[in-house]
Protein backbone atom coordinates (compact mmCIF):
# COMPACT_ATOMS: atom_id res chain seq x y z
CA MET A 1 66.03 78.66 148.97
CA ILE A 2 67.91 77.91 145.91
CA GLU A 3 71.19 76.13 146.95
CA SER A 4 74.55 77.78 145.60
CA ARG A 5 75.43 74.43 144.28
CA ARG A 6 72.35 74.26 141.87
CA LEU A 7 73.10 77.81 140.69
CA ARG A 8 76.63 77.08 139.84
CA GLN A 9 75.47 74.00 137.93
CA PHE A 10 72.64 76.02 136.30
CA LEU A 11 75.35 78.69 135.22
CA ALA A 12 77.70 76.05 133.70
CA VAL A 13 74.69 74.84 131.42
CA TYR A 14 73.68 78.36 130.54
CA GLU A 15 77.29 79.43 129.70
CA LEU A 16 78.23 76.22 127.71
CA GLY A 17 74.50 75.91 125.97
CA SER A 18 75.04 72.07 126.66
CA ILE A 19 74.12 69.72 129.49
CA GLY A 20 76.73 67.15 128.41
CA GLN A 21 79.64 69.58 128.07
CA ALA A 22 78.53 71.30 131.68
CA ALA A 23 78.32 67.75 133.07
CA ASP A 24 81.65 67.09 132.06
CA LYS A 25 83.17 70.41 133.39
CA LEU A 26 81.40 69.77 136.53
CA LEU A 27 82.59 66.28 137.04
CA LEU A 28 78.94 65.01 136.97
CA THR A 29 77.03 62.42 134.96
CA GLN A 30 74.44 63.87 132.45
CA PRO A 31 71.62 62.28 134.18
CA ALA A 32 72.59 63.68 137.62
CA LEU A 33 72.78 67.17 135.96
CA SER A 34 69.62 67.10 134.23
CA LYS A 35 67.85 65.88 137.46
CA SER A 36 69.30 69.07 139.36
CA LEU A 37 68.00 71.30 136.62
CA ARG A 38 64.51 69.70 136.64
CA SER A 39 64.38 70.09 140.40
CA LEU A 40 65.58 73.66 139.93
CA GLU A 41 62.74 74.35 137.70
CA ASP A 42 60.28 72.66 139.70
CA GLU A 43 61.19 74.94 142.65
CA LEU A 44 60.94 77.84 140.74
CA GLY A 45 57.85 76.77 138.76
CA VAL A 46 59.29 77.93 135.48
CA ARG A 47 61.04 76.38 132.35
CA LEU A 48 64.60 77.69 132.29
CA PHE A 49 65.86 76.09 129.14
CA ASP A 50 64.21 74.98 125.83
CA ARG A 51 65.77 71.58 124.90
CA THR A 52 66.75 71.32 121.25
CA PRO A 53 68.86 68.73 119.16
CA VAL A 54 71.89 70.59 119.41
CA GLY A 55 71.82 71.98 123.08
CA VAL A 56 69.84 73.98 125.28
CA VAL A 57 68.44 77.43 124.73
CA PRO A 58 67.68 79.81 128.02
CA THR A 59 64.05 81.03 128.06
CA VAL A 60 63.31 84.58 129.36
CA PHE A 61 63.15 83.09 132.86
CA GLY A 62 66.70 81.37 132.39
CA ASP A 63 68.06 84.89 131.29
CA THR A 64 66.66 86.56 134.29
CA LEU A 65 68.06 83.86 136.67
CA ALA A 66 71.40 83.96 135.12
CA MET A 67 71.68 87.63 135.51
CA HIS A 68 71.01 87.36 139.25
CA ALA A 69 73.11 84.16 139.52
CA LYS A 70 76.21 85.69 138.26
CA GLY A 71 75.90 88.71 140.75
CA ILE A 72 75.62 86.15 143.53
CA GLU A 73 78.37 84.06 142.22
CA ALA A 74 80.69 87.27 142.13
CA GLN A 75 79.43 88.17 145.77
CA LEU A 76 80.21 84.48 147.08
CA ARG A 77 83.94 84.92 145.43
CA GLN A 78 84.34 88.13 147.09
CA ALA A 79 83.25 86.78 150.32
CA GLU A 80 85.57 83.75 149.98
CA ALA A 81 88.45 86.11 149.01
CA ALA A 82 87.98 88.26 152.01
CA ILE A 83 87.81 85.36 154.42
CA GLY A 84 91.03 83.98 152.81
CA ALA A 85 92.60 87.33 153.29
CA LEU A 86 91.74 87.40 156.97
CA ARG A 87 93.45 84.06 157.16
CA GLY A 88 96.42 85.27 155.32
CA LYS A 89 95.75 83.47 152.12
CA ALA A 90 94.36 86.02 149.79
CA LYS A 91 93.28 84.60 146.37
CA GLY A 92 92.00 85.52 143.16
CA HIS A 93 92.62 87.57 139.87
CA VAL A 94 93.49 91.19 139.52
CA VAL A 95 93.87 93.20 136.34
CA VAL A 96 95.98 96.27 136.24
CA GLY A 97 96.24 98.90 133.71
CA ILE A 98 99.68 100.55 133.87
CA GLY A 99 101.11 103.52 131.99
CA PRO A 100 104.54 103.62 130.45
CA SER A 101 106.49 105.31 133.19
CA VAL A 102 105.59 102.54 135.87
CA ALA A 103 106.41 99.45 133.55
CA PRO A 104 110.09 99.50 134.02
CA ASN A 105 110.30 99.94 137.65
CA LEU A 106 107.34 100.40 139.94
CA MET A 107 105.05 97.78 138.63
CA PRO A 108 107.85 95.00 138.76
CA LEU A 109 108.74 95.77 142.14
CA ALA A 110 105.19 95.46 143.25
CA THR A 111 104.54 92.45 141.47
CA LEU A 112 107.54 90.70 143.06
CA SER A 113 106.21 91.77 146.22
CA LEU A 114 102.65 90.62 145.67
CA GLN A 115 103.86 87.15 144.62
CA ARG A 116 106.03 86.86 147.58
CA LEU A 117 103.50 87.86 150.30
CA HIS A 118 100.13 86.36 148.17
CA PRO A 119 101.17 83.81 145.89
CA GLY A 120 97.64 82.76 145.47
CA ILE A 121 96.84 86.00 143.63
CA GLU A 122 96.91 85.89 139.82
CA LEU A 123 98.00 89.30 138.14
CA SER A 124 97.36 90.39 134.67
CA VAL A 125 99.00 93.70 133.66
CA VAL A 126 98.11 95.59 130.59
CA GLU A 127 99.80 98.66 129.43
CA GLY A 128 98.34 101.56 127.67
CA LEU A 129 97.82 105.36 127.47
CA VAL A 130 95.47 106.99 129.57
CA ASP A 131 92.87 107.43 126.94
CA ASP A 132 92.92 103.59 126.56
CA LEU A 133 92.92 102.61 130.24
CA LEU A 134 90.59 105.00 131.90
CA PRO A 135 87.27 103.76 129.80
CA GLN A 136 88.41 100.01 130.60
CA LEU A 137 88.48 101.17 134.33
CA ARG A 138 85.11 102.69 134.02
CA ARG A 139 83.62 99.60 132.57
CA GLY A 140 85.26 97.12 135.08
CA GLN A 141 87.58 95.55 132.59
CA ILE A 142 90.71 96.41 134.81
CA ASP A 143 90.59 96.93 138.70
CA VAL A 144 93.21 99.49 139.36
CA ALA A 145 94.99 102.03 136.71
CA VAL A 146 98.43 103.01 137.65
CA GLY A 147 100.15 106.07 136.00
CA ALA A 148 101.08 109.68 135.75
CA TRP A 149 97.77 111.20 134.66
CA PRO A 150 95.52 113.78 136.39
CA ARG A 151 92.94 112.91 139.03
CA ILE A 152 89.80 111.67 137.63
CA ALA A 153 86.90 113.98 138.35
CA ASP A 154 84.31 111.22 139.19
CA PRO A 155 83.13 110.56 142.84
CA ASP A 156 83.13 106.78 141.81
CA PHE A 157 86.82 106.54 141.89
CA SER A 158 89.69 107.09 144.44
CA THR A 159 93.02 108.54 143.30
CA GLU A 160 96.02 108.04 145.47
CA VAL A 161 99.62 109.27 144.94
CA ILE A 162 102.31 106.62 144.91
CA ILE A 163 105.32 108.50 143.96
CA VAL A 164 106.20 111.74 142.41
CA ASP A 165 108.33 111.63 139.49
CA THR A 166 110.41 114.30 137.64
CA LEU A 167 110.40 114.92 133.71
CA GLU A 168 113.87 115.62 132.41
CA VAL A 169 115.57 115.81 128.73
CA PHE A 170 117.51 112.63 128.45
CA ALA A 171 120.20 111.73 126.03
CA ARG A 172 122.48 108.68 125.55
CA ALA A 173 125.40 108.68 127.84
CA ASP A 174 127.93 109.42 125.26
CA HIS A 175 125.78 112.11 123.45
CA PRO A 176 127.88 115.27 122.71
CA LEU A 177 125.60 117.08 125.11
CA ALA A 178 126.01 114.54 128.00
CA ARG A 179 129.54 115.82 128.20
CA HIS A 180 128.53 119.41 128.48
CA PRO A 181 130.32 121.24 131.59
CA GLY A 182 127.69 123.10 132.66
CA PRO A 183 123.82 124.10 132.39
CA ILE A 184 122.78 124.06 129.01
CA GLY A 185 120.54 126.70 127.48
CA MET A 186 117.22 125.57 125.79
CA GLU A 187 118.19 127.16 122.61
CA ALA A 188 121.09 124.75 122.36
CA LEU A 189 118.41 121.91 122.52
CA LEU A 190 117.25 122.91 119.03
CA GLY A 191 120.19 122.09 117.33
CA HIS A 192 119.83 118.21 117.93
CA ALA A 193 117.53 115.43 116.71
CA TRP A 194 114.79 114.87 119.02
CA ALA A 195 112.35 111.64 119.35
CA LEU A 196 109.17 112.45 121.07
CA PRO A 197 105.74 111.56 122.08
CA PRO A 198 102.73 113.05 119.79
CA ALA A 199 101.97 116.63 120.42
CA THR A 200 98.68 115.51 122.22
CA GLN A 201 100.52 113.69 124.81
CA LYS A 202 101.01 115.47 128.26
CA TRP A 203 104.88 115.04 128.52
CA ARG A 204 105.21 116.58 124.91
CA GLN A 205 102.75 119.60 125.79
CA HIS A 206 104.62 120.45 128.71
CA LEU A 207 107.98 120.58 127.06
CA ASP A 208 106.35 122.53 124.18
CA GLY A 209 105.28 124.93 126.68
CA LEU A 210 108.86 125.27 128.08
CA PHE A 211 110.09 126.42 124.95
CA VAL A 212 107.36 128.86 124.25
CA GLU A 213 107.66 130.62 127.52
CA GLN A 214 111.32 131.44 126.51
CA GLY A 215 110.41 132.80 123.16
CA LEU A 216 111.38 129.68 121.36
CA ALA A 217 109.90 127.44 118.76
CA PRO A 218 109.32 123.91 120.28
CA PRO A 219 111.77 121.34 118.54
CA ALA A 220 110.28 119.40 115.36
CA PRO A 221 110.98 115.99 116.35
CA ALA A 222 112.45 113.59 113.59
CA VAL A 223 110.57 110.60 115.26
CA THR A 224 107.15 110.61 116.97
CA SER A 225 105.53 107.55 118.66
CA THR A 226 103.38 106.57 121.27
CA SER A 227 105.65 103.85 122.38
CA ALA A 228 107.64 104.66 125.28
CA SER A 229 109.96 101.44 124.93
CA TYR A 230 110.49 102.36 121.26
CA LEU A 231 111.74 105.84 122.12
CA LYS A 232 114.15 104.43 124.85
CA ALA A 233 115.50 101.87 122.41
CA LEU A 234 115.99 104.53 119.86
CA MET A 235 117.81 106.93 122.25
CA LEU A 236 120.00 103.93 123.10
CA ARG A 237 121.17 103.30 119.50
CA GLY A 238 121.16 106.82 118.04
CA ASP A 239 121.97 110.73 119.14
CA PHE A 240 118.41 111.51 120.00
CA LEU A 241 117.21 113.71 122.71
CA SER A 242 113.71 112.90 124.49
CA PHE A 243 111.72 114.34 127.21
CA LEU A 244 110.72 111.52 129.68
CA PRO A 245 109.85 110.95 133.25
CA GLY A 246 112.56 109.43 135.47
CA GLN A 247 110.81 106.42 136.44
CA LEU A 248 110.74 105.36 132.81
CA VAL A 249 114.31 105.26 132.34
CA SER A 250 115.37 104.29 136.07
CA THR A 251 116.50 101.01 134.96
CA GLU A 252 118.85 102.46 132.28
CA THR A 253 120.57 105.15 134.19
CA ASP A 254 124.09 103.95 133.11
CA ARG A 255 123.03 104.45 129.46
CA LEU A 256 120.31 107.00 129.43
CA VAL A 257 121.56 110.26 131.30
CA PRO A 258 119.41 113.67 132.21
CA LEU A 259 120.90 116.56 130.70
CA PRO A 260 121.52 119.58 133.03
CA VAL A 261 119.06 121.77 130.96
CA ASP A 262 118.40 125.16 132.49
CA MET A 263 114.67 124.88 132.77
CA VAL A 264 111.83 124.75 135.46
CA ARG A 265 111.44 120.90 136.30
CA ALA A 266 108.04 119.31 136.32
CA HIS A 267 107.12 116.63 138.89
CA PRO A 268 104.17 114.65 137.85
CA ASP A 269 102.32 112.34 140.15
CA ILE A 270 102.28 108.63 139.79
CA SER A 271 99.08 107.63 141.31
CA MET A 272 96.63 104.56 141.30
CA THR A 273 92.93 104.89 140.64
CA PHE A 274 90.36 102.50 141.45
CA ARG A 275 86.64 102.23 142.67
CA GLU A 276 86.00 102.36 146.17
CA ARG A 277 83.99 99.15 146.09
CA ALA A 278 86.87 97.34 144.35
CA LEU A 279 88.79 97.20 147.77
CA LEU A 280 85.97 94.73 148.88
CA LYS A 281 87.97 92.30 146.74
CA ALA A 282 90.62 91.04 148.85
CA PRO A 283 92.89 90.55 145.97
CA VAL A 284 92.51 94.19 144.81
CA ALA A 285 93.01 95.41 148.48
CA GLU A 286 96.28 93.44 148.86
CA LEU A 287 97.63 95.03 145.45
CA VAL A 288 96.70 98.45 146.62
CA GLN A 289 98.71 97.91 149.87
CA VAL A 290 101.75 96.37 147.84
CA LEU A 291 101.68 99.37 145.36
CA ARG A 292 101.69 101.89 148.45
CA ALA A 293 104.95 100.07 150.03
CA ALA A 294 106.55 99.93 146.51
CA GLY A 295 106.24 103.89 146.12
CA GLN A 296 107.61 104.20 149.47
CA GLU A 297 110.67 102.02 148.74
CA LEU A 298 111.51 103.93 145.59
CA ALA A 299 111.10 107.25 147.41
CA ALA A 300 113.38 106.14 149.95
CA GLU A 301 115.79 105.07 147.47
CA ALA A 302 115.55 108.52 145.56
CA SER A 303 116.18 110.37 148.70
C-alpha cells in the first residue's frame, strides 16, 4: 500500500513541477525527496515524471495518480477535521457566499460567534447576488450560500431558513415623509426621488408589482444600482426613497427609517444553502450550527 507521506510528497512535486522547490516546501533534502519518488515509481512499476533541465513533467501515469491522490488527501483532511471537531477543536477553511441583506448584521454576528467557539476555523466571505453565488456553489467554489433567494430546485442541495425578513420603503430619518403623521398612500411616494436595484432584481420586481396592483405606474428611479451599500450611502446623504429588506439597514436604524406606507408587506426568507455532503467537513458543519444560532438570536431581538 502507498504511504500517505509519499502521496503528499508526490503531490508537492506534481503541483510545483520541481523536485528542488518541493523539497524546500517539505523541509527535505533534494536527494531524499528524489529517493522517495523513485521508490514510489518502483512500487507502482511506472514512471510518474519525465525529468527535464528545467524541472519535471508528469506522465500520463503521474496525472492519473495525482487525480486520485488529491481525492485521498481531501478525505484525509475531512477525517482529521471531523476528529478534531469531536475533540472540540474544529479546524479548516470555509468559504461563504452572502447576499447584501446579511452583510451588515447576520453574517458579522455569526462570524464573531464562530471565532469565539472555533478559533481554528478560517473563514472567507464573498458578497454577491444570487446569479453570481449559486453557480459558485454548484462548482464547489463556496461551501455555503446565505441570502434572501428562492429555494434551489436541486436534490443535491439543502436549503434551511435562518430568519424571516421584511421588505420596507426606507428613507433618511429627516426625510419629509419620515415626519408624516399617519399611513402614507403609495401614490404619494411617486412625487419623490427613488434609488433602487435594477428592474431584474427580486426586491424591485415586488415593489413594481405593488404599484401595478393599485393601478399606478411604478416609480422611475433617479438612480439604479446593484450595490446595496451604495444605495444605503446615497440615502444617508440625500432625500432618496428605496425599497430594502430590514436586515440590510438593521445597523442604521437611527438614520434610516421604514415609512408607514399603506401596502401589503413582503416577508422574504433569509436562508442558507449547501450540499448535504459538505456537512461531512467539520468546519462547514460548525458554521451551519453558528448560523442557526445567529438567526435565533436576531429573531428573539426582533420579537
